[in-house]
Amino acid sequence: MELVDLKNFSSPLAIENAVNGSRAYIAAFSVNGQQYDRIFKTAIESDGFEKLLAFPELYIIGVEV
């Protein structure tokens, strides 16, 4: 999908941010257990995660399956 296609799904501000090179990241993973704090702590402490903190927006999503 191209940026021109996203205009139907995004706000003008989101498109402007994309054009200006702004980035946001989403880290999503399945959560298979009851120790949610430990699961998220492990994800946050994983290799490479710290690099994502340099960006203005980061969403961490755990999905219970």
C-alpha atoms as a PDB file:
ATOM      1  CA  MET A   1       0.000   0.000   0.000  1.00  0.00           C
ATOM      2  CA  GLU A   2       1.284   3.448  -0.897  1.00  0.00           C
ATOM      3  CA  LEU A   3       1.020   6.656   1.099  1.00  0.00           C
ATOM      4  CA  VAL A   4      -1.533   7.976  -1.406  1.00  0.00           C
ATOM      5  CA  ASP A   5      -3.783   5.018  -0.521  1.00  0.00           C
ATOM      6  CA  LEU A   6      -3.576   5.795   3.183  1.00  0.00           C
ATOM      7  CA  LYS A   7      -5.265   9.178   2.795  1.00  0.00           C
ATOM      8  CA  ASN A   8      -8.598   7.365   3.048  1.00  0.00           C
ATOM      9  CA  PHE A   9      -7.641   5.858   6.416  1.00  0.00           C
ATOM     10  CA  SER A  10      -5.520   8.570   8.049  1.00  0.00           C
ATOM     11  CA  SER A  11      -5.905  12.090   9.306  1.00  0.00           C
ATOM     12  CA  PRO A  12      -4.225  14.976   7.468  1.00  0.00           C
ATOM     13  CA  LEU A  13      -1.822  15.348  10.424  1.00  0.00           C
ATOM     14  CA  ALA A  14      -0.796  11.687  10.187  1.00  0.00           C
ATOM     15  CA  ILE A  15      -0.089  12.069   6.472  1.00  0.00           C
ATOM     16  CA  GLU A  16       1.893  15.257   7.101  1.00  0.00           C
ATOM     17  CA  ASN A  17       3.946  13.450   9.748  1.00  0.00           C
ATOM     18  CA  ALA A  18       4.697  10.631   7.309  1.00  0.00           C
ATOM     19  CA  VAL A  19       5.748  13.072   4.598  1.00  0.00           C
ATOM     20  CA  ASN A  20       8.030  14.831   7.104  1.00  0.00           C
ATOM     21  CA  GLY A  21       9.673  11.526   8.064  1.00  0.00           C
ATOM     22  CA  SER A  22       8.131  11.158  11.529  1.00  0.00           C
ATOM     23  CA  ARG A  23       7.885   7.575  12.660  1.00  0.00           C
ATOM     24  CA  ALA A  24       6.036   5.605  15.280  1.00  0.00           C
ATOM     25  CA  TYR A  25       6.465   1.936  16.088  1.00  0.00           C
ATOM     26  CA  ILE A  26       4.211  -0.776  17.403  1.00  0.00           C
ATOM     27  CA  ALA A  27       5.591  -3.780  19.249  1.00  0.00           C
ATOM     28  CA  ALA A  28       2.867  -6.428  19.389  1.00  0.00           C
ATOM     29  CA  PHE A  29       3.108  -9.962  20.689  1.00  0.00           C
ATOM     30  CA  SER A  30       0.961 -12.727  22.108  1.00  0.00           C
ATOM     31  CA  VAL A  31       0.666 -13.081  25.865  1.00  0.00           C
ATOM     32  CA  ASN A  32       0.436 -16.708  26.931  1.00  0.00           C
ATOM     33  CA  GLY A  33       0.434 -16.593  30.709  1.00  0.00           C
ATOM     34  CA  GLN A  34      -0.758 -14.763  33.775  1.00  0.00           C
ATOM     35  CA  GLN A  35       2.433 -12.922  34.691  1.00  0.00           C
ATOM     36  CA  TYR A  36       1.747  -9.860  32.547  1.00  0.00           C
ATOM     37  CA  ASP A  37       4.206  -7.619  34.386  1.00  0.00           C
ATOM     38  CA  ARG A  38       7.003 -10.115  33.773  1.00  0.00           C
ATOM     39  CA  ILE A  39       6.051 -10.567  30.113  1.00  0.00           C
ATOM     40  CA  PHE A  40       6.083  -6.823  29.433  1.00  0.00           C
ATOM     41  CA  LYS A  41       9.306  -6.368  31.429  1.00  0.00           C
ATOM     42  CA  THR A  42      10.993  -9.048  29.318  1.00  0.00           C
ATOM     43  CA  ALA A  43       9.794  -7.381  26.123  1.00  0.00           C
ATOM     44  CA  ILE A  44      11.012  -3.957  27.238  1.00  0.00           C
ATOM     45  CA  GLU A  45      14.412  -5.330  28.245  1.00  0.00           C
ATOM     46  CA  SER A  46      14.912  -7.272  25.007  1.00  0.00           C
ATOM     47  CA  ASP A  47      17.759  -6.519  22.601  1.00  0.00           C
ATOM     48  CA  GLY A  48      17.037  -3.580  20.359  1.00  0.00           C
ATOM     49  CA  PHE A  49      14.067  -2.264  22.297  1.00  0.00           C
ATOM     50  CA  GLU A  50      15.988   0.721  23.636  1.00  0.00           C
ATOM     51  CA  LYS A  51      16.501   1.963  20.066  1.00  0.00           C
ATOM     52  CA  LEU A  52      12.731   2.275  19.687  1.00  0.00           C
ATOM     53  CA  LEU A  53      12.580   4.663  22.656  1.00  0.00           C
ATOM     54  CA  ALA A  54      14.264   7.322  20.511  1.00  0.00           C
ATOM     55  CA  PHE A  55      11.052   7.740  18.511  1.00  0.00           C
ATOM     56  CA  PRO A  56       8.234  10.036  19.694  1.00  0.00           C
ATOM     57  CA  GLU A  57       5.601   7.304  19.640  1.00  0.00           C
ATOM     58  CA  LEU A  58       5.884   3.671  20.683  1.00  0.00           C
ATOM     59  CA  TYR A  59       2.951   1.393  21.357  1.00  0.00           C
ATOM     60  CA  ILE A  60       3.462  -1.902  23.196  1.00  0.00           C
ATOM     61  CA  ILE A  61       0.570  -4.298  22.742  1.00  0.00           C
ATOM     62  CA  GLY A  62       0.158  -7.691  24.358  1.00  0.00           C
ATOM     63  CA  VAL A  63      -2.676  -9.841  23.032  1.00  0.00           C
ATOM     64  CA  GLU A  64      -3.991 -12.648  25.189  1.00  0.00           C
ATOM     65  CA  VAL A  65      -4.659 -15.764  23.123  1.00  0.00           C
END
